[in-house]
C-alpha cells in the first residue's frame, strides 16, 4: 500500500442496486474514520439507490457510474483496496465471467487482475443465492483472490463488520513482517 501520510489509502467502494445501497453513506463514514479516502463507483442501476449529493459531500469526489469519454478529465486516484457492497446477483455473475459491460463491472474485472485486496459482500434473495450460477461465481471469485463476506441469513452485515473483514483481508495479504506496529 502506498504511504499517504498516515492514511490507509484509497478505498474504492463499488455499489450495486440493492436496498442496502441507500445506506452506503454509513460505510463511507466508517471507512473515513478508519483513515480511508473513499471513492464511490456505482452500477448504472445502483446509482439510483444512492443519495449522490450526500456521498459527494462526504467524500469530496464525484460518484462514478459511467465511462469517461476520450479527452474527458477526471481520472480517479488509484485504489489500494476495494469493497463491493452490496454486490448483486447480476454483478457477481458478470464479474466472475469477465463480462465488463458497465463501468463498475469493467473496473472490478481490471482490479481483480492486479492483485488488490477486494472484498465482495453479496446481498441477494435466497432464491437467487440458491441458483447454481451464483455459487459457481462466488467460487470463481474466491479463486481469483477476492474475499467474500456472506451473511448466512441473507442480510447485509453491519458496515463495521464489512470494514473489519476488509482489514482482515489486507492483513492476510501482507502477512507477518510487514513493518507495521
C-alpha atoms as a PDB file:
ATOM      1  CA  UNK A   1       0.000   0.000   0.000  1.00  0.00           C
ATOM      2  CA  UNK A   2       1.238   3.483  -0.832  1.00  0.00           C
ATOM      3  CA  UNK A   3       2.222   5.792   2.026  1.00  0.00           C
ATOM      4  CA  UNK A   4      -0.357   8.567   2.199  1.00  0.00           C
ATOM      5  CA  UNK A   5       0.904  10.424   5.270  1.00  0.00           C
ATOM      6  CA  UNK A   6      -0.522   8.006   7.801  1.00  0.00           C
ATOM      7  CA  UNK A   7      -3.780   7.373   5.948  1.00  0.00           C
ATOM      8  CA  UNK A   8      -4.730   3.850   4.935  1.00  0.00           C
ATOM      9  CA  UNK A   9      -5.017   4.811   1.275  1.00  0.00           C
ATOM     10  CA  UNK A  10      -7.730   4.934  -1.364  1.00  0.00           C
ATOM     11  CA  UNK A  11     -10.740   2.662  -0.999  1.00  0.00           C
ATOM     12  CA  UNK A  12     -12.976   2.100  -3.980  1.00  0.00           C
ATOM     13  CA  UNK A  13     -16.495   1.366  -2.801  1.00  0.00           C
ATOM     14  CA  UNK A  14     -18.444  -0.291  -5.624  1.00  0.00           C
ATOM     15  CA  UNK A  15     -22.191  -0.120  -5.010  1.00  0.00           C
ATOM     16  CA  UNK A  16     -24.845  -2.174  -6.810  1.00  0.00           C
ATOM     17  CA  UNK A  17     -28.638  -1.929  -6.981  1.00  0.00           C
ATOM     18  CA  UNK A  18     -29.885  -3.426  -3.725  1.00  0.00           C
ATOM     19  CA  UNK A  19     -31.736  -1.857  -0.779  1.00  0.00           C
ATOM     20  CA  UNK A  20     -28.580  -1.583   1.355  1.00  0.00           C
ATOM     21  CA  UNK A  21     -27.127   0.824  -1.210  1.00  0.00           C
ATOM     22  CA  UNK A  22     -29.430   3.517   0.175  1.00  0.00           C
ATOM     23  CA  UNK A  23     -27.440   3.336   3.434  1.00  0.00           C
ATOM     24  CA  UNK A  24     -23.944   3.001   1.990  1.00  0.00           C
ATOM     25  CA  UNK A  25     -23.079   6.530   3.098  1.00  0.00           C
ATOM     26  CA  UNK A  26     -22.706   4.951   6.562  1.00  0.00           C
ATOM     27  CA  UNK A  27     -19.907   2.719   5.249  1.00  0.00           C
ATOM     28  CA  UNK A  28     -18.267   5.808   3.762  1.00  0.00           C
ATOM     29  CA  UNK A  29     -18.242   7.422   7.216  1.00  0.00           C
ATOM     30  CA  UNK A  30     -16.953   4.278   8.963  1.00  0.00           C
ATOM     31  CA  UNK A  31     -14.176   3.886   6.395  1.00  0.00           C
ATOM     32  CA  UNK A  32     -13.177   7.538   6.612  1.00  0.00           C
ATOM     33  CA  UNK A  33     -12.941   7.281  10.390  1.00  0.00           C
ATOM     34  CA  UNK A  34     -10.573   4.347   9.866  1.00  0.00           C
ATOM     35  CA  UNK A  35      -8.330   6.523   7.687  1.00  0.00           C
ATOM     36  CA  UNK A  36      -9.522   5.657   4.179  1.00  0.00           C
ATOM     37  CA  UNK A  37     -10.053   8.109   1.330  1.00  0.00           C
ATOM     38  CA  UNK A  38     -13.256   6.718  -0.201  1.00  0.00           C
ATOM     39  CA  UNK A  39     -14.270   6.897  -3.859  1.00  0.00           C
ATOM     40  CA  UNK A  40     -17.722   5.568  -4.735  1.00  0.00           C
ATOM     41  CA  UNK A  41     -18.371   3.771  -8.008  1.00  0.00           C
ATOM     42  CA  UNK A  42     -21.909   2.625  -8.740  1.00  0.00           C
ATOM     43  CA  UNK A  43     -23.510   0.284 -11.209  1.00  0.00           C
ATOM     44  CA  UNK A  44     -25.910   2.044 -13.591  1.00  0.00           C
ATOM     45  CA  UNK A  45     -28.890   0.881 -11.512  1.00  0.00           C
ATOM     46  CA  UNK A  46     -27.025   1.207  -8.205  1.00  0.00           C
ATOM     47  CA  UNK A  47     -26.621   4.955  -8.628  1.00  0.00           C
ATOM     48  CA  UNK A  48     -30.419   5.243  -8.479  1.00  0.00           C
ATOM     49  CA  UNK A  49     -30.347   3.911  -4.887  1.00  0.00           C
ATOM     50  CA  UNK A  50     -27.760   6.435  -3.689  1.00  0.00           C
ATOM     51  CA  UNK A  51     -28.051   9.885  -2.221  1.00  0.00           C
ATOM     52  CA  UNK A  52     -25.397  11.084  -4.665  1.00  0.00           C
ATOM     53  CA  UNK A  53     -25.238  14.611  -3.246  1.00  0.00           C
ATOM     54  CA  UNK A  54     -24.640  13.281   0.284  1.00  0.00           C
ATOM     55  CA  UNK A  55     -21.934  10.854  -0.825  1.00  0.00           C
ATOM     56  CA  UNK A  56     -20.193  13.553  -2.856  1.00  0.00           C
ATOM     57  CA  UNK A  57     -20.385  15.880   0.143  1.00  0.00           C
ATOM     58  CA  UNK A  58     -18.861  13.225   2.394  1.00  0.00           C
ATOM     59  CA  UNK A  59     -16.114  12.147   0.002  1.00  0.00           C
ATOM     60  CA  UNK A  60     -15.382  15.359  -1.867  1.00  0.00           C
ATOM     61  CA  UNK A  61     -15.351  13.185  -5.003  1.00  0.00           C
ATOM     62  CA  UNK A  62     -17.878  12.598  -7.769  1.00  0.00           C
ATOM     63  CA  UNK A  63     -19.793   9.326  -7.738  1.00  0.00           C
ATOM     64  CA  UNK A  64     -18.638   7.447 -10.851  1.00  0.00           C
ATOM     65  CA  UNK A  65     -21.086   5.221 -12.716  1.00  0.00           C
ATOM     66  CA  UNK A  66     -20.151   5.557 -16.370  1.00  0.00           C
ATOM     67  CA  UNK A  67     -17.063   5.501 -18.543  1.00  0.00           C
ATOM     68  CA  UNK A  68     -15.238   8.746 -19.242  1.00  0.00           C
ATOM     69  CA  UNK A  69     -15.258   9.891 -22.831  1.00  0.00           C
ATOM     70  CA  UNK A  70     -11.932  10.315 -24.680  1.00  0.00           C
ATOM     71  CA  UNK A  71     -10.273  13.531 -23.576  1.00  0.00           C
ATOM     72  CA  UNK A  72     -12.558  13.915 -20.570  1.00  0.00           C
ATOM     73  CA  UNK A  73     -10.781  14.856 -17.341  1.00  0.00           C
ATOM     74  CA  UNK A  74     -11.255  13.088 -14.036  1.00  0.00           C
ATOM     75  CA  UNK A  75      -9.070  10.010 -13.723  1.00  0.00           C
ATOM     76  CA  UNK A  76      -9.684   8.710 -10.182  1.00  0.00           C
ATOM     77  CA  UNK A  77      -6.818   8.123  -7.775  1.00  0.00           C
ATOM     78  CA  UNK A  78      -5.550   4.527  -7.935  1.00  0.00           C
ATOM     79  CA  UNK A  79      -7.156   2.148  -5.451  1.00  0.00           C
ATOM     80  CA  UNK A  80      -5.377   0.463  -2.560  1.00  0.00           C
ATOM     81  CA  UNK A  81      -8.371  -1.740  -1.748  1.00  0.00           C
ATOM     82  CA  UNK A  82     -11.900  -2.386  -2.985  1.00  0.00           C
ATOM     83  CA  UNK A  83     -15.202  -3.184  -1.290  1.00  0.00           C
ATOM     84  CA  UNK A  84     -18.168  -4.272  -3.400  1.00  0.00           C
ATOM     85  CA  UNK A  85     -21.223  -3.760  -1.195  1.00  0.00           C
ATOM     86  CA  UNK A  86     -23.933  -4.567  -1.779  1.00  0.00           C
ATOM     87  CA  UNK A  87     -22.891  -6.950  -4.549  1.00  0.00           C
ATOM     88  CA  UNK A  88     -25.895  -8.150  -6.521  1.00  0.00           C
ATOM     89  CA  UNK A  89     -26.548 -11.472  -8.254  1.00  0.00           C
ATOM     90  CA  UNK A  90     -26.074  -9.799 -11.628  1.00  0.00           C
ATOM     91  CA  UNK A  91     -22.799  -8.079 -10.753  1.00  0.00           C
ATOM     92  CA  UNK A  92     -21.287 -11.149  -9.073  1.00  0.00           C
ATOM     93  CA  UNK A  93     -22.089 -13.343 -12.070  1.00  0.00           C
ATOM     94  CA  UNK A  94     -20.886 -10.842 -14.683  1.00  0.00           C
ATOM     95  CA  UNK A  95     -17.701 -10.083 -12.725  1.00  0.00           C
ATOM     96  CA  UNK A  96     -16.830 -13.768 -12.334  1.00  0.00           C
ATOM     97  CA  UNK A  97     -17.477 -14.388 -16.039  1.00  0.00           C
ATOM     98  CA  UNK A  98     -15.473 -11.331 -17.137  1.00  0.00           C
ATOM     99  CA  UNK A  99     -18.450  -9.587 -18.731  1.00  0.00           C
ATOM    100  CA  UNK A 100     -17.333  -5.982 -18.478  1.00  0.00           C
ATOM    101  CA  UNK A 101     -20.430  -4.296 -19.897  1.00  0.00           C
ATOM    102  CA  UNK A 102     -20.630  -1.496 -17.313  1.00  0.00           C
ATOM    103  CA  UNK A 103     -18.022   0.793 -15.830  1.00  0.00           C
ATOM    104  CA  UNK A 104     -18.392  -0.798 -12.387  1.00  0.00           C
ATOM    105  CA  UNK A 105     -18.006  -4.409 -13.567  1.00  0.00           C
ATOM    106  CA  UNK A 106     -15.266  -3.486 -16.042  1.00  0.00           C
ATOM    107  CA  UNK A 107     -13.341  -1.822 -13.224  1.00  0.00           C
ATOM    108  CA  UNK A 108     -13.817  -4.869 -10.984  1.00  0.00           C
ATOM    109  CA  UNK A 109     -12.550  -7.174 -13.728  1.00  0.00           C
ATOM    110  CA  UNK A 110      -9.500  -4.964 -14.195  1.00  0.00           C
ATOM    111  CA  UNK A 111      -8.732  -4.551 -10.491  1.00  0.00           C
ATOM    112  CA  UNK A 112      -9.084  -8.268  -9.821  1.00  0.00           C
ATOM    113  CA  UNK A 113      -6.249  -8.787 -12.258  1.00  0.00           C
ATOM    114  CA  UNK A 114      -3.803  -6.526 -10.402  1.00  0.00           C
ATOM    115  CA  UNK A 115      -3.944  -8.269  -7.035  1.00  0.00           C
ATOM    116  CA  UNK A 116      -5.537  -5.604  -4.851  1.00  0.00           C
ATOM    117  CA  UNK A 117      -7.362  -6.663  -1.694  1.00  0.00           C
ATOM    118  CA  UNK A 118     -11.003  -6.927  -2.763  1.00  0.00           C
ATOM    119  CA  UNK A 119     -13.964  -7.751  -0.549  1.00  0.00           C
ATOM    120  CA  UNK A 120     -17.307  -8.687  -2.091  1.00  0.00           C
ATOM    121  CA  UNK A 121     -20.381  -8.519   0.128  1.00  0.00           C
ATOM    122  CA  UNK A 122     -23.285 -10.112  -1.758  1.00  0.00           C
ATOM    123  CA  UNK A 123     -26.863  -9.206  -0.962  1.00  0.00           C
ATOM    124  CA  UNK A 124     -29.236 -11.432  -2.925  1.00  0.00           C
ATOM    125  CA  UNK A 125     -32.619 -13.016  -2.414  1.00  0.00           C
ATOM    126  CA  UNK A 126     -32.489 -16.605  -1.101  1.00  0.00           C
ATOM    127  CA  UNK A 127     -33.829 -17.994  -4.383  1.00  0.00           C
ATOM    128  CA  UNK A 128     -31.021 -16.268  -6.299  1.00  0.00           C
ATOM    129  CA  UNK A 129     -28.416 -17.325  -3.743  1.00  0.00           C
ATOM    130  CA  UNK A 130     -29.509 -20.927  -4.390  1.00  0.00           C
ATOM    131  CA  UNK A 131     -29.004 -20.575  -8.149  1.00  0.00           C
ATOM    132  CA  UNK A 132     -26.135 -22.741  -9.387  1.00  0.00           C
ATOM    133  CA  UNK A 133     -24.556 -19.845 -11.315  1.00  0.00           C
ATOM    134  CA  UNK A 134     -24.246 -17.758  -8.148  1.00  0.00           C
ATOM    135  CA  UNK A 135     -22.387 -20.485  -6.254  1.00  0.00           C
ATOM    136  CA  UNK A 136     -20.054 -21.026  -9.204  1.00  0.00           C
ATOM    137  CA  UNK A 137     -19.415 -17.321  -9.484  1.00  0.00           C
ATOM    138  CA  UNK A 138     -18.552 -16.946  -5.790  1.00  0.00           C
ATOM    139  CA  UNK A 139     -16.209 -19.934  -6.103  1.00  0.00           C
ATOM    140  CA  UNK A 140     -14.575 -18.370  -9.180  1.00  0.00           C
ATOM    141  CA  UNK A 141     -14.132 -15.004  -7.460  1.00  0.00           C
ATOM    142  CA  UNK A 142     -12.566 -16.668  -4.415  1.00  0.00           C
ATOM    143  CA  UNK A 143     -10.237 -18.492  -6.796  1.00  0.00           C
ATOM    144  CA  UNK A 144      -9.182 -15.103  -8.178  1.00  0.00           C
ATOM    145  CA  UNK A 145      -8.275 -13.896  -4.685  1.00  0.00           C
ATOM    146  CA  UNK A 146     -11.474 -11.997  -3.886  1.00  0.00           C
ATOM    147  CA  UNK A 147     -12.573 -12.233  -0.249  1.00  0.00           C
ATOM    148  CA  UNK A 148     -16.318 -12.897   0.045  1.00  0.00           C
ATOM    149  CA  UNK A 149     -18.371 -11.997   3.117  1.00  0.00           C
ATOM    150  CA  UNK A 150     -21.804 -13.618   3.053  1.00  0.00           C
ATOM    151  CA  UNK A 151     -24.341 -13.440   5.844  1.00  0.00           C
ATOM    152  CA  UNK A 152     -25.875 -16.942   6.154  1.00  0.00           C
ATOM    153  CA  UNK A 153     -29.300 -15.385   6.764  1.00  0.00           C
ATOM    154  CA  UNK A 154     -29.062 -13.362   3.553  1.00  0.00           C
ATOM    155  CA  UNK A 155     -28.866  -9.991   5.270  1.00  0.00           C
ATOM    156  CA  UNK A 156     -26.319  -7.244   4.799  1.00  0.00           C
ATOM    157  CA  UNK A 157     -23.703  -7.437   7.566  1.00  0.00           C
ATOM    158  CA  UNK A 158     -23.208  -4.270   9.643  1.00  0.00           C
ATOM    159  CA  UNK A 159     -20.919  -1.774   7.923  1.00  0.00           C
ATOM    160  CA  UNK A 160     -18.403  -2.046  10.761  1.00  0.00           C
ATOM    161  CA  UNK A 161     -18.141  -5.796  10.111  1.00  0.00           C
ATOM    162  CA  UNK A 162     -17.625  -5.140   6.398  1.00  0.00           C
ATOM    163  CA  UNK A 163     -14.696  -2.850   7.191  1.00  0.00           C
ATOM    164  CA  UNK A 164     -13.229  -5.307   9.736  1.00  0.00           C
ATOM    165  CA  UNK A 165     -13.363  -8.046   7.090  1.00  0.00           C
ATOM    166  CA  UNK A 166     -11.592  -5.787   4.588  1.00  0.00           C
ATOM    167  CA  UNK A 167      -8.861  -5.107   7.140  1.00  0.00           C
ATOM    168  CA  UNK A 168      -8.522  -8.863   7.790  1.00  0.00           C
ATOM    169  CA  UNK A 169      -8.170  -9.426   4.038  1.00  0.00           C
ATOM    170  CA  UNK A 170      -5.435  -6.788   3.880  1.00  0.00           C
ATOM    171  CA  UNK A 171      -3.655  -8.248   6.905  1.00  0.00           C
ATOM    172  CA  UNK A 172      -3.821 -11.745   5.390  1.00  0.00           C
ATOM    173  CA  UNK A 173      -2.225 -10.447   2.156  1.00  0.00           C
ATOM    174  CA  UNK A 174       0.509  -8.526   3.929  1.00  0.00           C
ATOM    175  CA  UNK A 175       1.330 -11.263   6.419  1.00  0.00           C
ATOM    176  CA  UNK A 176       3.882 -11.038   9.229  1.00  0.00           C
ATOM    177  CA  UNK A 177       6.955  -8.883   8.967  1.00  0.00           C
ATOM    178  CA  UNK A 178       5.340  -6.072   7.016  1.00  0.00           C
ATOM    179  CA  UNK A 179       6.869  -3.459   9.320  1.00  0.00           C
ATOM    180  CA  UNK A 180       3.640  -2.294  10.929  1.00  0.00           C
ATOM    181  CA  UNK A 181       3.471  -1.900  14.713  1.00  0.00           C
END
